[in-house]
Amino acid sequence: MEVINVNEFGDEDEVFGRPDQIELDVIIKNGLLIHCELKSSMSKSDMHIFERKVRFYERRHGRQATRMIVVSPMIDDPARQVGTKLGIEIYPDSLDVPMWRTLVPSFSPGLQGAGNRS
């Protein structure tokens, strides 16, 4: 497994609406590309920005993300709804991320992020 902190300059306005530095954590494992955002809290706009960062990376590097993961203990309901709509997996703690899905992404036990934890 390789963890890379990507820090590139986006010279167009595709992420922040103006040229700016774009930082993104990327995990590569068994050929899978996983984008991860770890923050103390996430808002609706944070979810949109994370998704735009991932799309920026995909265009720039010509590789599609296998998974998009947000780990944050404080996510309000509007942010959770946006994240779900964008296909972002949401977890309150890194220990809650099911690592078996990185090995077998087509396997789904019916759980989607922390919102359905029992």
N, C-alpha and C. Protein backbone atom coordinates (compact mmCIF):
# COMPACT_ATOMS: atom_id res chain seq x y z
N MET A 1 0.85 -1.17 0.00
CA MET A 1 0.00 0.00 0.00
C MET A 1 0.90 1.24 0.00
N GLU A 2 0.49 2.23 -0.77
CA GLU A 2 1.22 3.49 -0.87
C GLU A 2 0.27 4.63 -0.56
N VAL A 3 0.68 5.52 0.34
CA VAL A 3 -0.11 6.70 0.68
C VAL A 3 0.65 7.92 0.18
N ILE A 4 -0.01 8.73 -0.64
CA ILE A 4 0.63 9.88 -1.26
C ILE A 4 -0.17 11.14 -0.92
N ASN A 5 0.53 12.17 -0.49
CA ASN A 5 -0.10 13.47 -0.31
C ASN A 5 0.17 14.25 -1.59
N VAL A 6 -0.85 14.42 -2.40
CA VAL A 6 -0.73 15.15 -3.66
C VAL A 6 -0.95 16.63 -3.36
N ASN A 7 -0.02 17.45 -3.81
CA ASN A 7 -0.13 18.89 -3.63
C ASN A 7 0.27 19.53 -4.95
N GLU A 8 -0.72 19.90 -5.75
CA GLU A 8 -0.48 20.42 -7.09
C GLU A 8 -1.20 21.75 -7.27
N PHE A 9 -0.71 22.54 -8.20
CA PHE A 9 -1.33 23.81 -8.49
C PHE A 9 -2.34 23.63 -9.61
N GLY A 10 -3.58 23.99 -9.33
CA GLY A 10 -4.62 23.97 -10.35
C GLY A 10 -4.69 25.34 -10.99
N ASP A 11 -4.21 25.45 -12.22
CA ASP A 11 -4.13 26.76 -12.85
C ASP A 11 -5.43 27.21 -13.50
N GLU A 12 -6.46 26.40 -13.35
CA GLU A 12 -7.78 26.81 -13.80
C GLU A 12 -8.67 26.95 -12.58
N ASP A 13 -9.93 27.32 -12.77
CA ASP A 13 -10.81 27.58 -11.63
C ASP A 13 -11.73 26.40 -11.31
N GLU A 14 -11.31 25.18 -11.63
CA GLU A 14 -12.20 24.02 -11.53
C GLU A 14 -12.49 23.55 -10.10
N VAL A 15 -11.66 23.86 -9.13
CA VAL A 15 -11.91 23.40 -7.75
C VAL A 15 -12.42 24.53 -6.87
N PHE A 16 -11.70 25.64 -6.82
CA PHE A 16 -12.03 26.72 -5.90
C PHE A 16 -12.62 27.95 -6.57
N GLY A 17 -12.80 27.91 -7.89
CA GLY A 17 -13.31 29.07 -8.60
C GLY A 17 -12.22 30.05 -9.02
N ARG A 18 -10.99 29.72 -8.70
CA ARG A 18 -9.82 30.52 -9.09
C ARG A 18 -8.61 29.59 -9.04
N PRO A 19 -7.53 29.93 -9.73
CA PRO A 19 -6.31 29.11 -9.64
C PRO A 19 -5.84 29.05 -8.18
N ASP A 20 -5.47 27.85 -7.73
CA ASP A 20 -5.04 27.70 -6.34
C ASP A 20 -4.35 26.36 -6.17
N GLN A 21 -3.69 26.21 -5.01
CA GLN A 21 -3.04 24.95 -4.64
C GLN A 21 -4.12 23.94 -4.27
N ILE A 22 -3.95 22.69 -4.73
CA ILE A 22 -4.93 21.63 -4.47
C ILE A 22 -4.21 20.50 -3.76
N GLU A 23 -4.69 20.17 -2.54
CA GLU A 23 -4.08 19.13 -1.72
C GLU A 23 -5.08 17.99 -1.58
N LEU A 24 -4.57 16.76 -1.76
CA LEU A 24 -5.43 15.58 -1.71
C LEU A 24 -4.62 14.38 -1.27
N ASP A 25 -5.19 13.56 -0.39
CA ASP A 25 -4.53 12.33 0.04
C ASP A 25 -5.01 11.18 -0.84
N VAL A 26 -4.05 10.42 -1.35
CA VAL A 26 -4.33 9.33 -2.28
C VAL A 26 -3.73 8.05 -1.70
N ILE A 27 -4.52 6.99 -1.71
CA ILE A 27 -4.06 5.67 -1.28
C ILE A 27 -4.10 4.76 -2.50
N ILE A 28 -2.99 4.09 -2.77
CA ILE A 28 -2.94 3.13 -3.87
C ILE A 28 -2.65 1.77 -3.27
N LYS A 29 -3.57 0.83 -3.50
CA LYS A 29 -3.42 -0.52 -2.95
C LYS A 29 -3.92 -1.52 -3.97
N ASN A 30 -3.08 -2.45 -4.33
CA ASN A 30 -3.42 -3.49 -5.31
C ASN A 30 -4.00 -2.87 -6.59
N GLY A 31 -3.45 -1.75 -7.01
CA GLY A 31 -3.91 -1.10 -8.24
C GLY A 31 -5.17 -0.27 -8.08
N LEU A 32 -5.75 -0.25 -6.88
CA LEU A 32 -6.94 0.57 -6.64
C LEU A 32 -6.53 1.97 -6.23
N LEU A 33 -7.32 2.95 -6.64
CA LEU A 33 -7.04 4.35 -6.33
C LEU A 33 -8.12 4.87 -5.39
N ILE A 34 -7.72 5.21 -4.18
CA ILE A 34 -8.65 5.65 -3.15
C ILE A 34 -8.28 7.07 -2.73
N HIS A 35 -9.25 7.97 -2.80
CA HIS A 35 -9.03 9.35 -2.35
C HIS A 35 -9.65 9.48 -0.97
N CYS A 36 -8.92 10.12 -0.06
CA CYS A 36 -9.36 10.19 1.32
C CYS A 36 -9.21 11.61 1.86
N GLU A 37 -10.22 12.06 2.58
CA GLU A 37 -10.20 13.37 3.23
C GLU A 37 -10.43 13.15 4.72
N LEU A 38 -9.49 13.56 5.56
CA LEU A 38 -9.61 13.46 7.01
C LEU A 38 -9.68 14.86 7.57
N LYS A 39 -10.82 15.19 8.20
CA LYS A 39 -11.01 16.53 8.77
C LYS A 39 -11.77 16.43 10.08
N SER A 40 -11.60 17.44 10.92
CA SER A 40 -12.32 17.45 12.19
C SER A 40 -13.81 17.68 12.00
N SER A 41 -14.18 18.39 10.92
CA SER A 41 -15.60 18.57 10.60
C SER A 41 -15.74 18.77 9.10
N MET A 42 -16.92 18.45 8.56
CA MET A 42 -17.18 18.59 7.13
C MET A 42 -18.54 19.24 6.93
N SER A 43 -18.57 20.26 6.08
CA SER A 43 -19.80 20.93 5.71
C SER A 43 -20.23 20.49 4.31
N LYS A 44 -21.38 20.97 3.87
CA LYS A 44 -21.82 20.69 2.50
C LYS A 44 -20.77 21.17 1.50
N SER A 45 -20.29 22.39 1.68
CA SER A 45 -19.30 22.93 0.74
C SER A 45 -18.00 22.14 0.77
N ASP A 46 -17.61 21.63 1.96
CA ASP A 46 -16.41 20.78 2.04
C ASP A 46 -16.58 19.51 1.21
N MET A 47 -17.78 18.93 1.23
CA MET A 47 -18.05 17.73 0.43
C MET A 47 -17.91 18.03 -1.06
N HIS A 48 -18.48 19.15 -1.49
CA HIS A 48 -18.38 19.53 -2.90
C HIS A 48 -16.93 19.79 -3.31
N ILE A 49 -16.18 20.45 -2.45
CA ILE A 49 -14.77 20.74 -2.75
C ILE A 49 -13.98 19.44 -2.84
N PHE A 50 -14.20 18.51 -1.91
CA PHE A 50 -13.50 17.22 -1.96
C PHE A 50 -13.79 16.50 -3.28
N GLU A 51 -15.05 16.48 -3.68
CA GLU A 51 -15.41 15.81 -4.94
C GLU A 51 -14.75 16.50 -6.13
N ARG A 52 -14.68 17.82 -6.12
CA ARG A 52 -14.01 18.55 -7.22
C ARG A 52 -12.51 18.29 -7.22
N LYS A 53 -11.90 18.14 -6.04
CA LYS A 53 -10.47 17.79 -5.97
C LYS A 53 -10.23 16.41 -6.60
N VAL A 54 -11.11 15.46 -6.30
CA VAL A 54 -10.97 14.12 -6.87
C VAL A 54 -11.09 14.18 -8.39
N ARG A 55 -12.09 14.91 -8.90
CA ARG A 55 -12.27 15.03 -10.37
C ARG A 55 -11.07 15.72 -11.02
N PHE A 56 -10.49 16.72 -10.32
CA PHE A 56 -9.27 17.38 -10.80
C PHE A 56 -8.15 16.36 -10.95
N TYR A 57 -7.94 15.54 -9.91
CA TYR A 57 -6.90 14.51 -9.94
C TYR A 57 -7.15 13.54 -11.09
N GLU A 58 -8.40 13.10 -11.25
CA GLU A 58 -8.72 12.15 -12.32
C GLU A 58 -8.37 12.72 -13.69
N ARG A 59 -8.73 13.97 -13.93
CA ARG A 59 -8.42 14.60 -15.23
C ARG A 59 -6.92 14.77 -15.43
N ARG A 60 -6.26 15.23 -14.39
CA ARG A 60 -4.83 15.52 -14.49
C ARG A 60 -3.99 14.26 -14.66
N HIS A 61 -4.40 13.17 -13.99
CA HIS A 61 -3.59 11.94 -14.00
C HIS A 61 -4.16 10.82 -14.85
N GLY A 62 -5.35 11.03 -15.40
CA GLY A 62 -5.94 10.03 -16.28
C GLY A 62 -6.31 8.72 -15.60
N ARG A 63 -6.64 8.79 -14.31
CA ARG A 63 -7.06 7.59 -13.55
C ARG A 63 -8.33 7.91 -12.78
N GLN A 64 -9.26 6.98 -12.81
CA GLN A 64 -10.51 7.17 -12.09
C GLN A 64 -10.41 6.60 -10.69
N ALA A 65 -11.00 7.32 -9.73
CA ALA A 65 -11.00 6.89 -8.33
C ALA A 65 -11.84 5.63 -8.17
N THR A 66 -11.32 4.69 -7.41
CA THR A 66 -12.08 3.49 -7.04
C THR A 66 -13.04 3.81 -5.90
N ARG A 67 -12.56 4.62 -4.96
CA ARG A 67 -13.37 5.02 -3.81
C ARG A 67 -13.04 6.45 -3.43
N MET A 68 -14.04 7.15 -2.87
CA MET A 68 -13.84 8.46 -2.24
C MET A 68 -14.31 8.30 -0.80
N ILE A 69 -13.42 8.62 0.14
CA ILE A 69 -13.71 8.39 1.55
C ILE A 69 -13.49 9.68 2.34
N VAL A 70 -14.46 10.02 3.18
CA VAL A 70 -14.31 11.13 4.13
C VAL A 70 -14.35 10.53 5.53
N VAL A 71 -13.37 10.91 6.35
CA VAL A 71 -13.33 10.50 7.75
C VAL A 71 -13.40 11.77 8.59
N SER A 72 -14.50 11.90 9.32
CA SER A 72 -14.70 13.08 10.15
C SER A 72 -15.72 12.78 11.24
N PRO A 73 -15.43 13.15 12.48
CA PRO A 73 -16.39 12.89 13.56
C PRO A 73 -17.57 13.85 13.57
N MET A 74 -17.45 14.98 12.86
CA MET A 74 -18.53 15.97 12.88
C MET A 74 -18.99 16.28 11.45
N ILE A 75 -20.08 15.65 11.07
CA ILE A 75 -20.68 15.88 9.75
C ILE A 75 -22.16 16.10 9.96
N ASP A 76 -22.66 17.27 9.59
CA ASP A 76 -24.10 17.53 9.77
C ASP A 76 -24.90 16.81 8.68
N ASP A 77 -26.20 16.73 8.90
CA ASP A 77 -27.06 15.99 7.97
C ASP A 77 -27.02 16.52 6.53
N PRO A 78 -27.06 17.84 6.29
CA PRO A 78 -26.96 18.32 4.91
C PRO A 78 -25.66 17.89 4.23
N ALA A 79 -24.53 17.91 4.96
CA ALA A 79 -23.26 17.48 4.39
C ALA A 79 -23.29 15.98 4.10
N ARG A 80 -23.88 15.21 5.00
CA ARG A 80 -23.98 13.75 4.81
C ARG A 80 -24.83 13.45 3.56
N GLN A 81 -25.92 14.18 3.37
CA GLN A 81 -26.78 13.97 2.20
C GLN A 81 -26.03 14.28 0.90
N VAL A 82 -25.28 15.38 0.89
CA VAL A 82 -24.49 15.75 -0.30
C VAL A 82 -23.44 14.69 -0.57
N GLY A 83 -22.73 14.27 0.47
CA GLY A 83 -21.70 13.24 0.31
C GLY A 83 -22.26 11.96 -0.26
N THR A 84 -23.39 11.53 0.24
CA THR A 84 -24.02 10.31 -0.25
C THR A 84 -24.41 10.46 -1.72
N LYS A 85 -24.97 11.61 -2.07
CA LYS A 85 -25.37 11.87 -3.46
C LYS A 85 -24.16 11.86 -4.39
N LEU A 86 -23.00 12.32 -3.90
CA LEU A 86 -21.79 12.38 -4.71
C LEU A 86 -21.02 11.06 -4.74
N GLY A 87 -21.50 10.07 -3.99
CA GLY A 87 -20.83 8.77 -3.97
C GLY A 87 -19.65 8.71 -3.00
N ILE A 88 -19.65 9.59 -2.02
CA ILE A 88 -18.57 9.63 -1.03
C ILE A 88 -18.95 8.77 0.16
N GLU A 89 -18.05 7.87 0.56
CA GLU A 89 -18.25 7.07 1.76
C GLU A 89 -17.89 7.94 2.96
N ILE A 90 -18.70 7.88 4.00
CA ILE A 90 -18.53 8.77 5.16
C ILE A 90 -18.39 7.92 6.43
N TYR A 91 -17.33 8.21 7.20
CA TYR A 91 -17.07 7.48 8.44
C TYR A 91 -16.66 8.45 9.54
N PRO A 92 -17.08 8.20 10.79
CA PRO A 92 -16.71 9.08 11.89
C PRO A 92 -15.27 8.87 12.39
N ASP A 93 -14.70 7.70 12.08
CA ASP A 93 -13.36 7.35 12.57
C ASP A 93 -12.69 6.46 11.55
N SER A 94 -11.39 6.57 11.41
CA SER A 94 -10.67 5.75 10.43
C SER A 94 -10.79 4.26 10.73
N LEU A 95 -11.01 3.91 12.00
CA LEU A 95 -11.17 2.50 12.35
C LEU A 95 -12.48 1.92 11.83
N ASP A 96 -13.42 2.78 11.43
CA ASP A 96 -14.71 2.33 10.91
C ASP A 96 -14.69 2.03 9.42
N VAL A 97 -13.61 2.39 8.73
CA VAL A 97 -13.53 2.16 7.28
C VAL A 97 -13.30 0.67 7.05
N PRO A 98 -14.23 0.02 6.37
CA PRO A 98 -14.08 -1.42 6.12
C PRO A 98 -12.98 -1.67 5.08
N MET A 99 -11.84 -2.16 5.53
CA MET A 99 -10.70 -2.35 4.64
C MET A 99 -10.93 -3.48 3.63
N TRP A 100 -11.84 -4.42 3.91
CA TRP A 100 -12.08 -5.50 2.96
C TRP A 100 -12.62 -4.97 1.65
N ARG A 101 -13.27 -3.81 1.66
CA ARG A 101 -13.80 -3.24 0.42
C ARG A 101 -12.69 -2.74 -0.48
N THR A 102 -11.51 -2.42 0.08
CA THR A 102 -10.40 -2.00 -0.78
C THR A 102 -9.85 -3.20 -1.54
N LEU A 103 -10.01 -4.38 -0.97
CA LEU A 103 -9.52 -5.58 -1.64
C LEU A 103 -10.53 -6.14 -2.62
N VAL A 104 -11.81 -6.03 -2.29
CA VAL A 104 -12.88 -6.55 -3.14
C VAL A 104 -13.95 -5.46 -3.28
N PRO A 105 -13.73 -4.45 -4.15
CA PRO A 105 -14.66 -3.33 -4.22
C PRO A 105 -16.05 -3.71 -4.70
N SER A 106 -16.20 -4.82 -5.38
CA SER A 106 -17.53 -5.21 -5.86
C SER A 106 -18.37 -5.87 -4.76
N PHE A 107 -17.73 -6.26 -3.65
CA PHE A 107 -18.45 -6.89 -2.55
C PHE A 107 -19.17 -5.83 -1.74
N SER A 108 -20.44 -6.01 -1.49
CA SER A 108 -21.19 -5.03 -0.71
C SER A 108 -22.14 -5.75 0.24
N PRO A 109 -21.95 -5.59 1.54
CA PRO A 109 -22.84 -6.23 2.50
C PRO A 109 -24.10 -5.42 2.74
N GLY A 110 -24.29 -4.33 1.98
CA GLY A 110 -25.48 -3.51 2.15
C GLY A 110 -25.26 -2.29 3.01
N LEU A 111 -24.04 -2.08 3.47
CA LEU A 111 -23.72 -0.91 4.29
C LEU A 111 -23.11 0.17 3.42
N GLN A 112 -23.49 1.40 3.65
CA GLN A 112 -22.91 2.54 2.95
C GLN A 112 -22.46 3.55 3.97
N GLY A 113 -21.22 3.46 4.40
CA GLY A 113 -20.68 4.44 5.33
C GLY A 113 -21.23 4.27 6.73
N ALA A 114 -20.93 5.24 7.56
CA ALA A 114 -21.28 5.16 8.96
C ALA A 114 -22.74 5.44 9.25
N GLY A 115 -23.44 5.99 8.30
CA GLY A 115 -24.84 6.32 8.52
C GLY A 115 -25.71 5.11 8.82
N ASN A 116 -25.26 3.92 8.41
CA ASN A 116 -26.05 2.71 8.62
C ASN A 116 -25.40 1.77 9.64
N ARG A 117 -24.54 2.31 10.48
CA ARG A 117 -23.89 1.45 11.48
C ARG A 117 -24.89 1.05 12.55
N SER A 118 -24.71 -0.14 13.06
CA SER A 118 -25.57 -0.60 14.15
C SER A 118 -24.79 -0.66 15.43
